[in-house]
Amino acid sequence: MSDAPPRVGFVSLGCPKNLVDSERILTQLRAEGYDLVARYEEADLVVVNTCGFIDAAVEESLEAIGEAIDANGRVIVTGCLGSREDEIRAAHPQVLAVTGAHAYEAVMEAVHAHLPPSSDPHRDLLPAQGIRLTPPHYAYLKISEGCNHRCSFCIIPSLRGDLHSRPLGEVLGEAERLVESGVRELLVVSQDTSAYGLDLKYRTDIVGGRPLETRLEVLARELGRLPAWTRLHYVYPYPSVDRLIPLMAEGLILPYLDVPLQHASESVLRRMKRPAASEKMLQRIRRWREICPGITLRSTFIVGFPGETEDDFDQLLDFIQEARLDRVGCFAYSPVEGAAANALPDPVPESLKQDRLARFMEIQAEISRDRLAGQVGREMTVLIDAVEPQRLLARGPGDAPEVDGQVIIDGAWEEVGPGDFVQVRVTGYDEHDLFAEPV
């Protein structure tokens, strides 16, 4: 009889892209016979997958490393913050090893060096879809890594490199395995989803005996053939995005588009090194709604970017009032170590940043409430996330998990559970959520 398998604890921080990295590392650990444990005290070693995108995330990651060291003592660090090894070791010289983002092989080499695998791996116990950190009924599907843009406020390329698209057949194969395992919603993520296939020159892949180009439009259409929702995140506003809207109107993919616009003032966008054509963006939004009237549009914006004037900010407010986006996140600009924007002149005082953030969110909150009010009386299909004693918590086509609202259905339910689809009629709303009754 073999000895007890080595035990690994794991901490996953950051965005859904990082979560997918964590799932791949955990899958490989389990495939090699490691036991995965929830408590630091039970582990022989702890892996911390960090985030390093903004200063607050760096602080959170360093705190998590410190907690793991205090509780366990044997820690391997990976993820985005791993590109700043000197900073990690200055704060926590005890760490066993440091690797960068999506460095799966390097993580496993470090684990092997400090905690050799069991001589009897239990590969037969590993599910075909791998280990996931999301609920069983939805999963993130990462289609590419890295980014070719050089936005002045962002350090993603230095953390994760340039764009590297996964082969189309590989992505579709993973999607099929996930759906076969019970996944009912695929959340497509990457640093720049619109750019999928660009680095491969949109080469043709043979999938199921069919030649298919490695393009987002082709991928979306193929995913739409699966018996699950497909939701697109982080869609950079290339002109090619316009070709996705008819797929939404056809019902192949969810009528939901997450487009990070960041600002509306052309002078600010130029300093951000982002596309600077807000009027054209408004025209495209109007056209998208003409083609697919039920589309939900989500975006993120930054206020208080260096050099942002009151006129720039007013242009942003004018934009959101005309665009009337359904879901919006807004952040006060925060310097990120290594970002080119740090060298820009005319920083905005912190108090003014916070004032602009509050003014922005006040206007957007009213817009969001109006958009939700427009849903009352509408029938829709919702996906059940949780069953509580006297209500169901669900999400509609316009609700991504964790970042958007919910659809709340009152009443006691016995015949439905997470992952089931239910047809409902919207009866009310509050600041973030909808209320509904079954049809």
Protein backbone atom coordinates (compact mmCIF):
# COMPACT_ATOMS: atom_id res chain seq x y z
CA MET A 1 0.00 0.00 0.00
CA SER A 2 1.32 3.44 -0.93
CA ASP A 3 1.84 6.21 1.59
CA ALA A 4 -0.80 8.92 2.03
CA PRO A 5 -0.78 11.29 -0.96
CA PRO A 6 0.88 14.72 -0.52
CA ARG A 7 -1.59 17.47 0.35
CA VAL A 8 -1.73 20.92 -1.28
CA GLY A 9 -3.68 23.98 -0.19
CA PHE A 10 -4.63 26.56 -2.80
CA VAL A 11 -5.62 30.25 -2.81
CA SER A 12 -6.99 31.85 -5.99
CA LEU A 13 -7.22 35.65 -6.24
CA GLY A 14 -8.14 38.05 -9.03
CA CYS A 15 -10.28 37.94 -12.15
CA PRO A 16 -12.04 35.07 -13.96
CA LYS A 17 -8.99 34.65 -16.23
CA ASN A 18 -6.91 33.93 -13.13
CA LEU A 19 -9.61 31.56 -11.91
CA VAL A 20 -9.23 29.51 -15.10
CA ASP A 21 -5.45 29.36 -14.49
CA SER A 22 -6.16 28.08 -10.98
CA GLU A 23 -8.51 25.41 -12.32
CA ARG A 24 -5.81 24.16 -14.71
CA ILE A 25 -3.18 23.97 -11.98
CA LEU A 26 -5.58 22.19 -9.63
CA THR A 27 -6.52 19.74 -12.37
CA GLN A 28 -2.86 18.90 -12.97
CA LEU A 29 -2.19 18.53 -9.23
CA ARG A 30 -5.10 16.14 -8.87
CA ALA A 31 -4.04 14.22 -11.97
CA GLU A 32 -0.63 13.63 -10.40
CA GLY A 33 -2.10 12.24 -7.21
CA TYR A 34 -1.99 15.27 -4.92
CA ASP A 35 -4.81 15.72 -2.43
CA LEU A 36 -6.36 19.18 -2.37
CA VAL A 37 -7.25 20.45 1.09
CA ALA A 38 -9.17 23.49 2.28
CA ARG A 39 -7.23 24.32 5.46
CA TYR A 40 -3.68 25.63 5.61
CA GLU A 41 -2.98 23.47 8.67
CA GLU A 42 -3.83 20.27 6.76
CA ALA A 43 -1.58 21.04 3.78
CA ASP A 44 2.01 20.01 3.21
CA LEU A 45 2.42 23.05 0.97
CA VAL A 46 0.28 26.03 -0.18
CA VAL A 47 0.08 27.59 -3.66
CA VAL A 48 -1.11 31.21 -3.87
CA ASN A 49 -2.28 32.39 -7.31
CA THR A 50 -1.97 36.18 -7.09
CA CYS A 51 -3.35 39.26 -8.82
CA GLY A 52 -1.15 42.30 -9.50
CA PHE A 53 -3.30 44.49 -11.72
CA ILE A 54 -3.82 47.44 -9.36
CA ASP A 55 -2.24 48.48 -6.07
CA ALA A 56 -5.18 47.21 -3.99
CA ALA A 57 -4.84 43.78 -5.63
CA VAL A 58 -1.09 43.75 -4.91
CA GLU A 59 -1.78 44.48 -1.24
CA GLU A 60 -4.41 41.74 -1.10
CA SER A 61 -2.03 39.26 -2.70
CA LEU A 62 0.85 40.09 -0.34
CA GLU A 63 -1.52 39.74 2.63
CA ALA A 64 -2.72 36.35 1.37
CA ILE A 65 0.88 35.17 0.97
CA GLY A 66 1.62 36.32 4.51
CA GLU A 67 -1.42 34.52 5.92
CA ALA A 68 -0.40 31.29 4.20
CA ILE A 69 3.17 31.59 5.50
CA ASP A 70 1.97 32.28 9.05
CA ALA A 71 -0.42 29.32 9.01
CA ASN A 72 1.65 26.83 7.01
CA GLY A 73 5.18 28.10 6.34
CA ARG A 74 5.65 26.41 2.95
CA VAL A 75 4.31 28.62 0.16
CA ILE A 76 4.71 28.79 -3.64
CA VAL A 77 3.57 31.99 -5.34
CA THR A 78 2.27 32.20 -8.91
CA GLY A 79 0.07 34.53 -10.97
CA CYS A 80 0.31 38.12 -12.13
CA LEU A 81 2.22 39.41 -9.12
CA GLY A 82 4.83 36.74 -9.79
CA SER A 83 6.39 39.07 -12.36
CA ARG A 84 7.50 41.21 -9.40
CA GLU A 85 9.49 38.55 -7.57
CA ASP A 86 11.78 41.04 -5.83
CA GLU A 87 8.78 42.75 -4.24
CA ILE A 88 7.33 39.43 -3.09
CA ARG A 89 10.62 38.25 -1.59
CA ALA A 90 11.21 41.61 0.07
CA ALA A 91 7.90 41.23 1.90
CA HIS A 92 8.07 37.46 2.38
CA PRO A 93 11.60 36.06 2.00
CA GLN A 94 10.40 32.63 3.19
CA VAL A 95 8.46 31.78 -0.02
CA LEU A 96 9.73 28.59 -1.62
CA ALA A 97 9.34 29.66 -5.27
CA VAL A 98 7.80 32.38 -7.44
CA THR A 99 6.44 31.94 -10.98
CA GLY A 100 4.60 34.28 -13.34
CA ALA A 101 1.07 34.26 -14.75
CA HIS A 102 -0.29 31.17 -16.58
CA ALA A 103 3.06 29.42 -15.98
CA TYR A 104 1.52 26.00 -15.40
CA GLU A 105 4.68 23.97 -16.01
CA ALA A 106 6.80 26.22 -13.77
CA VAL A 107 4.26 25.90 -10.95
CA MET A 108 4.28 22.12 -11.22
CA GLU A 109 8.10 22.04 -11.31
CA ALA A 110 8.17 24.08 -8.11
CA VAL A 111 5.64 21.78 -6.45
CA HIS A 112 7.61 18.70 -7.55
CA ALA A 113 10.83 20.20 -6.15
CA HIS A 114 9.37 20.94 -2.71
CA LEU A 115 6.69 18.24 -2.48
CA PRO A 116 7.31 15.27 -4.79
CA PRO A 117 4.18 13.56 -6.12
CA SER A 118 2.90 10.24 -4.90
CA SER A 119 4.18 7.19 -6.72
CA ASP A 120 0.58 6.12 -7.31
CA PRO A 121 -1.32 8.92 -9.10
CA HIS A 122 -5.10 8.45 -9.29
CA ARG A 123 -5.68 9.65 -12.83
CA ASP A 124 -8.90 7.66 -13.08
CA LEU A 125 -10.44 9.89 -10.38
CA LEU A 126 -10.06 13.06 -12.45
CA PRO A 127 -13.25 14.19 -14.24
CA ALA A 128 -12.91 14.70 -18.00
CA GLN A 129 -13.67 18.41 -17.70
CA GLY A 130 -11.01 18.88 -15.00
CA ILE A 131 -11.39 20.54 -11.62
CA ARG A 132 -13.47 23.73 -11.50
CA LEU A 133 -13.85 26.45 -8.90
CA THR A 134 -17.23 27.66 -10.18
CA PRO A 135 -20.62 26.06 -9.42
CA PRO A 136 -21.37 22.98 -11.55
CA HIS A 137 -23.80 24.77 -13.86
CA TYR A 138 -21.55 27.52 -15.25
CA ALA A 139 -17.89 27.76 -16.24
CA TYR A 140 -15.40 30.27 -17.60
CA LEU A 141 -13.97 29.37 -21.01
CA LYS A 142 -10.67 31.17 -21.63
CA ILE A 143 -9.99 31.46 -25.36
CA SER A 144 -6.71 33.40 -25.38
CA GLU A 145 -3.99 34.77 -23.15
CA GLY A 146 -2.22 38.12 -23.16
CA CYS A 147 -2.93 41.33 -25.07
CA ASN A 148 -1.38 43.29 -27.95
CA HIS A 149 -2.68 46.68 -26.80
CA ARG A 150 -0.54 49.09 -24.84
CA CYS A 151 -3.13 51.08 -22.89
CA SER A 152 -1.20 53.55 -20.78
CA PHE A 153 -3.00 52.63 -17.53
CA CYS A 154 -2.57 48.87 -17.93
CA ILE A 155 0.31 46.44 -17.30
CA ILE A 156 -1.38 43.25 -18.55
CA PRO A 157 1.10 42.76 -21.45
CA SER A 158 4.03 42.90 -19.02
CA LEU A 159 2.28 40.41 -16.74
CA ARG A 160 0.81 38.02 -19.28
CA GLY A 161 2.57 38.80 -22.56
CA ASP A 162 1.19 39.45 -26.03
CA LEU A 163 -1.91 37.83 -27.48
CA HIS A 164 -1.76 34.04 -27.67
CA SER A 165 -4.96 32.44 -28.98
CA ARG A 166 -5.89 28.84 -28.25
CA PRO A 167 -6.63 26.66 -31.31
CA LEU A 168 -10.30 26.68 -32.24
CA GLY A 169 -10.65 22.90 -32.00
CA GLU A 170 -9.12 22.91 -28.52
CA VAL A 171 -11.55 25.57 -27.28
CA LEU A 172 -14.58 23.83 -28.79
CA GLY A 173 -13.45 20.49 -27.37
CA GLU A 174 -13.23 21.97 -23.88
CA ALA A 175 -16.65 23.60 -24.31
CA GLU A 176 -18.22 20.30 -25.35
CA ARG A 177 -16.73 18.49 -22.34
CA LEU A 178 -18.00 21.19 -20.00
CA VAL A 179 -21.53 20.98 -21.40
CA GLU A 180 -21.46 17.18 -21.22
CA SER A 181 -20.53 17.50 -17.52
CA GLY A 182 -23.63 19.60 -16.80
CA VAL A 183 -22.51 23.18 -17.51
CA ARG A 184 -25.42 25.30 -18.73
CA GLU A 185 -23.62 28.61 -19.22
CA LEU A 186 -20.24 29.22 -20.85
CA LEU A 187 -18.65 32.56 -19.98
CA VAL A 188 -16.10 33.38 -22.67
CA VAL A 189 -13.16 35.33 -21.23
CA SER A 190 -9.71 36.57 -22.22
CA GLN A 191 -7.77 39.81 -21.98
CA ASP A 192 -9.09 40.86 -25.41
CA THR A 193 -11.85 38.55 -26.63
CA SER A 194 -12.36 40.43 -29.91
CA ALA A 195 -8.76 39.77 -30.97
CA TYR A 196 -9.19 35.99 -30.87
CA GLY A 197 -7.26 34.41 -33.76
CA LEU A 198 -5.40 37.59 -34.78
CA ASP A 199 -2.01 36.19 -33.74
CA LEU A 200 -2.75 32.99 -35.67
CA LYS A 201 -3.68 35.02 -38.77
CA TYR A 202 -7.17 33.50 -38.44
CA ARG A 203 -5.80 30.19 -39.64
CA THR A 204 -8.17 27.38 -40.59
CA ASP A 205 -8.60 24.58 -38.07
CA ILE A 206 -10.22 21.24 -38.87
CA VAL A 207 -12.97 20.60 -36.32
CA GLY A 208 -15.14 17.51 -36.67
CA GLY A 209 -13.99 17.17 -40.27
CA ARG A 210 -14.99 20.76 -41.08
CA PRO A 211 -12.58 23.61 -41.95
CA LEU A 212 -13.26 26.55 -39.63
CA GLU A 213 -11.43 29.87 -39.37
CA THR A 214 -10.04 30.84 -35.98
CA ARG A 215 -12.23 33.91 -35.50
CA LEU A 216 -14.47 35.05 -32.67
CA GLU A 217 -17.54 35.13 -34.94
CA VAL A 218 -16.93 31.50 -35.99
CA LEU A 219 -16.25 30.42 -32.41
CA ALA A 220 -19.43 32.14 -31.18
CA ARG A 221 -21.54 30.47 -33.85
CA GLU A 222 -20.12 27.03 -33.00
CA LEU A 223 -20.61 27.56 -29.26
CA GLY A 224 -24.18 28.61 -30.02
CA ARG A 225 -24.89 25.10 -31.31
CA LEU A 226 -24.30 23.64 -27.85
CA PRO A 227 -27.23 23.23 -25.39
CA ALA A 228 -25.94 25.97 -23.09
CA TRP A 229 -25.88 29.75 -22.87
CA THR A 230 -22.81 31.51 -24.28
CA ARG A 231 -21.91 34.90 -22.75
CA LEU A 232 -19.10 37.13 -24.09
CA HIS A 233 -16.88 39.16 -21.76
CA TYR A 234 -14.06 41.72 -22.34
CA VAL A 235 -14.99 42.46 -25.95
CA TYR A 236 -12.74 45.25 -27.22
CA PRO A 237 -14.81 47.42 -29.62
CA TYR A 238 -13.26 46.40 -32.93
CA PRO A 239 -15.51 46.85 -36.01
CA SER A 240 -15.66 43.04 -36.23
CA VAL A 241 -17.80 43.02 -33.08
CA ASP A 242 -20.71 44.27 -35.22
CA ARG A 243 -20.88 40.81 -36.82
CA LEU A 244 -21.70 39.23 -33.45
CA ILE A 245 -24.95 41.13 -32.98
CA PRO A 246 -26.94 39.13 -35.61
CA LEU A 247 -25.89 35.94 -33.79
CA MET A 248 -27.49 37.39 -30.66
CA ALA A 249 -30.63 38.33 -32.57
CA GLU A 250 -30.81 34.74 -33.88
CA GLY A 251 -30.59 33.40 -30.32
CA LEU A 252 -27.33 31.54 -30.91
CA ILE A 253 -25.49 33.41 -28.15
CA LEU A 254 -26.81 35.54 -25.31
CA PRO A 255 -27.73 39.14 -26.22
CA TYR A 256 -25.09 40.43 -23.83
CA LEU A 257 -21.96 42.39 -24.64
CA ASP A 258 -19.29 43.42 -22.15
CA VAL A 259 -17.34 46.24 -23.87
CA PRO A 260 -14.74 48.11 -21.76
CA LEU A 261 -14.99 51.66 -23.15
CA GLN A 262 -13.05 53.44 -20.32
CA HIS A 263 -13.99 57.03 -21.27
CA ALA A 264 -15.74 59.23 -23.83
CA SER A 265 -13.48 62.29 -24.12
CA GLU A 266 -11.23 61.92 -27.14
CA SER A 267 -8.34 63.72 -25.42
CA VAL A 268 -8.52 61.36 -22.43
CA LEU A 269 -8.83 58.32 -24.68
CA ARG A 270 -5.74 59.39 -26.61
CA ARG A 271 -3.78 59.68 -23.36
CA MET A 272 -5.09 56.25 -22.41
CA LYS A 273 -4.00 55.00 -25.86
CA ARG A 274 -7.54 53.79 -26.49
CA PRO A 275 -9.77 54.22 -29.57
CA ALA A 276 -10.95 57.85 -29.63
CA ALA A 277 -14.28 58.01 -31.47
CA SER A 278 -17.14 58.28 -28.96
CA GLU A 279 -19.63 59.59 -31.54
CA LYS A 280 -19.05 56.54 -33.73
CA MET A 281 -19.48 54.36 -30.63
CA LEU A 282 -22.89 55.91 -30.01
CA GLN A 283 -23.86 55.21 -33.61
CA ARG A 284 -22.78 51.59 -33.23
CA ILE A 285 -24.74 51.18 -30.00
CA ARG A 286 -27.85 52.51 -31.71
CA ARG A 287 -27.30 50.08 -34.59
CA TRP A 288 -26.76 47.14 -32.21
CA ARG A 289 -30.09 47.90 -30.54
CA GLU A 290 -31.83 48.13 -33.90
CA ILE A 291 -30.55 44.66 -34.85
CA CYS A 292 -31.05 43.10 -31.41
CA PRO A 293 -33.51 45.19 -29.35
CA GLY A 294 -33.08 43.03 -26.23
CA ILE A 295 -29.31 43.36 -26.04
CA THR A 296 -27.76 44.09 -22.63
CA LEU A 297 -24.67 46.31 -22.74
CA ARG A 298 -22.11 46.35 -19.94
CA SER A 299 -19.04 48.59 -19.77
CA THR A 300 -16.42 50.00 -17.42
CA PHE A 301 -15.07 53.54 -17.15
CA ILE A 302 -12.24 55.36 -15.39
CA VAL A 303 -12.64 58.85 -13.93
CA GLY A 304 -9.84 61.09 -12.69
CA PHE A 305 -7.30 59.95 -15.27
CA PRO A 306 -4.25 62.28 -15.41
CA GLY A 307 -5.14 65.44 -17.29
CA GLU A 308 -8.91 64.85 -17.16
CA THR A 309 -10.57 68.29 -17.14
CA GLU A 310 -14.08 69.18 -16.07
CA ASP A 311 -14.99 69.42 -19.75
CA ASP A 312 -13.62 65.90 -20.34
CA PHE A 313 -15.71 64.64 -17.45
CA ASP A 314 -18.82 66.42 -18.74
CA GLN A 315 -18.32 64.67 -22.09
CA LEU A 316 -18.28 61.36 -20.26
CA LEU A 317 -21.51 62.20 -18.44
CA ASP A 318 -23.12 63.25 -21.73
CA PHE A 319 -22.04 59.96 -23.27
CA ILE A 320 -23.50 57.69 -20.59
CA GLN A 321 -26.75 59.64 -20.60
CA GLU A 322 -27.06 59.17 -24.36
CA ALA A 323 -25.74 55.60 -24.52
CA ARG A 324 -27.95 54.46 -21.60
CA LEU A 325 -25.92 51.33 -20.93
CA ASP A 326 -27.56 48.64 -18.83
CA ARG A 327 -24.66 47.71 -16.55
CA VAL A 328 -21.73 49.98 -15.75
CA GLY A 329 -18.74 49.82 -13.48
CA CYS A 330 -16.68 52.93 -12.75
CA PHE A 331 -13.37 53.36 -10.97
CA ALA A 332 -11.37 56.33 -9.79
CA TYR A 333 -8.00 56.20 -11.52
CA SER A 334 -5.31 54.57 -9.41
CA PRO A 335 -1.62 54.49 -10.43
CA VAL A 336 -0.30 51.01 -11.15
CA GLU A 337 3.40 50.32 -10.76
CA GLY A 338 4.97 50.01 -14.20
CA ALA A 339 2.13 51.72 -16.10
CA ALA A 340 3.06 54.43 -18.62
CA ALA A 341 0.25 56.67 -17.32
CA ASN A 342 2.26 57.27 -14.14
CA ALA A 343 4.49 59.69 -16.08
CA LEU A 344 1.58 61.77 -17.45
CA PRO A 345 1.30 65.37 -16.20
CA ASP A 346 -1.60 67.02 -14.38
CA PRO A 347 -2.72 64.33 -11.93
CA VAL A 348 -6.26 64.79 -10.64
CA PRO A 349 -6.52 65.35 -6.86
CA GLU A 350 -7.94 62.36 -5.01
CA SER A 351 -10.85 64.34 -3.58
CA LEU A 352 -11.86 65.44 -7.09
CA LYS A 353 -11.58 61.85 -8.37
CA GLN A 354 -13.98 60.68 -5.66
CA ASP A 355 -16.36 63.56 -6.34
CA ARG A 356 -16.47 62.70 -10.04
CA LEU A 357 -16.93 59.02 -9.26
CA ALA A 358 -19.93 59.82 -7.04
CA ARG A 359 -21.49 62.11 -9.66
CA PHE A 360 -20.98 59.50 -12.37
CA MET A 361 -22.53 56.68 -10.32
CA GLU A 362 -25.50 58.79 -9.29
CA ILE A 363 -26.41 59.40 -12.93
CA GLN A 364 -25.72 55.81 -13.96
CA ALA A 365 -27.77 54.41 -11.07
CA GLU A 366 -30.82 56.27 -12.39
CA ILE A 367 -30.15 54.98 -15.92
CA SER A 368 -29.77 51.41 -14.65
CA ARG A 369 -33.04 51.66 -12.69
CA ASP A 370 -34.82 52.92 -15.80
CA ARG A 371 -33.41 50.06 -17.85
CA LEU A 372 -34.58 47.55 -15.22
CA ALA A 373 -38.02 49.19 -15.08
CA GLY A 374 -38.31 48.59 -18.80
CA GLN A 375 -38.11 44.84 -18.14
CA VAL A 376 -41.35 44.74 -16.11
CA GLY A 377 -43.98 42.65 -17.88
CA ARG A 378 -41.43 40.91 -20.09
CA GLU A 379 -41.21 37.11 -20.23
CA MET A 380 -37.74 35.59 -20.19
CA THR A 381 -35.85 32.38 -19.59
CA VAL A 382 -33.71 32.41 -16.45
CA LEU A 383 -31.00 30.08 -15.16
CA ILE A 384 -31.37 28.98 -11.54
CA ASP A 385 -28.30 29.65 -9.38
CA ALA A 386 -29.66 28.73 -5.95
CA VAL A 387 -32.79 27.40 -4.24
CA GLU A 388 -33.60 29.00 -0.89
CA PRO A 389 -36.48 28.02 1.46
CA GLN A 390 -38.96 30.53 0.03
CA ARG A 391 -37.41 31.74 -3.20
CA LEU A 392 -35.23 31.01 -6.20
CA LEU A 393 -32.17 33.05 -7.08
CA ALA A 394 -31.69 33.12 -10.83
CA ARG A 395 -30.11 35.12 -13.63
CA GLY A 396 -31.53 36.22 -16.95
CA PRO A 397 -29.77 36.71 -20.28
CA GLY A 398 -28.61 40.16 -19.09
CA ASP A 399 -27.04 38.98 -15.84
CA ALA A 400 -23.49 37.64 -15.62
CA PRO A 401 -22.59 35.89 -12.35
CA GLU A 402 -21.03 38.01 -9.59
CA VAL A 403 -20.94 41.28 -11.55
CA ASP A 404 -24.59 41.87 -12.48
CA GLY A 405 -27.93 41.53 -10.72
CA GLN A 406 -30.24 38.59 -10.06
CA VAL A 407 -33.77 37.56 -10.86
CA ILE A 408 -35.59 36.70 -7.63
CA ILE A 409 -38.60 34.36 -7.80
CA ASP A 410 -40.63 34.06 -4.61
CA GLY A 411 -42.25 30.81 -3.46
CA ALA A 412 -41.32 27.33 -2.29
CA TRP A 413 -39.86 25.12 -5.00
CA GLU A 414 -39.24 21.38 -4.96
CA GLU A 415 -38.79 20.32 -8.58
CA VAL A 416 -36.06 22.70 -9.74
CA GLY A 417 -32.45 23.19 -8.77
CA PRO A 418 -29.28 25.04 -9.77
CA GLY A 419 -28.64 24.69 -13.47
CA ASP A 420 -32.31 24.42 -14.45
CA PHE A 421 -33.91 26.86 -16.88
CA VAL A 422 -37.28 28.39 -15.92
CA GLN A 423 -39.62 30.65 -17.88
CA VAL A 424 -40.72 33.71 -15.87
CA ARG A 425 -42.49 37.04 -16.18
CA VAL A 426 -40.84 40.11 -14.61
CA THR A 427 -43.06 41.76 -12.00
CA GLY A 428 -40.77 44.32 -10.32
CA TYR A 429 -37.27 45.63 -9.71
CA ASP A 430 -35.01 47.38 -7.23
CA GLU A 431 -31.67 49.13 -7.68
CA HIS A 432 -29.90 46.03 -9.01
CA ASP A 433 -32.26 43.05 -9.23
CA LEU A 434 -35.45 41.96 -10.93
CA PHE A 435 -38.40 40.16 -9.33
CA ALA A 436 -40.41 37.63 -11.29
CA GLU A 437 -43.09 34.95 -11.21
CA PRO A 438 -43.18 31.67 -13.13
CA VAL A 439 -45.12 31.60 -16.37
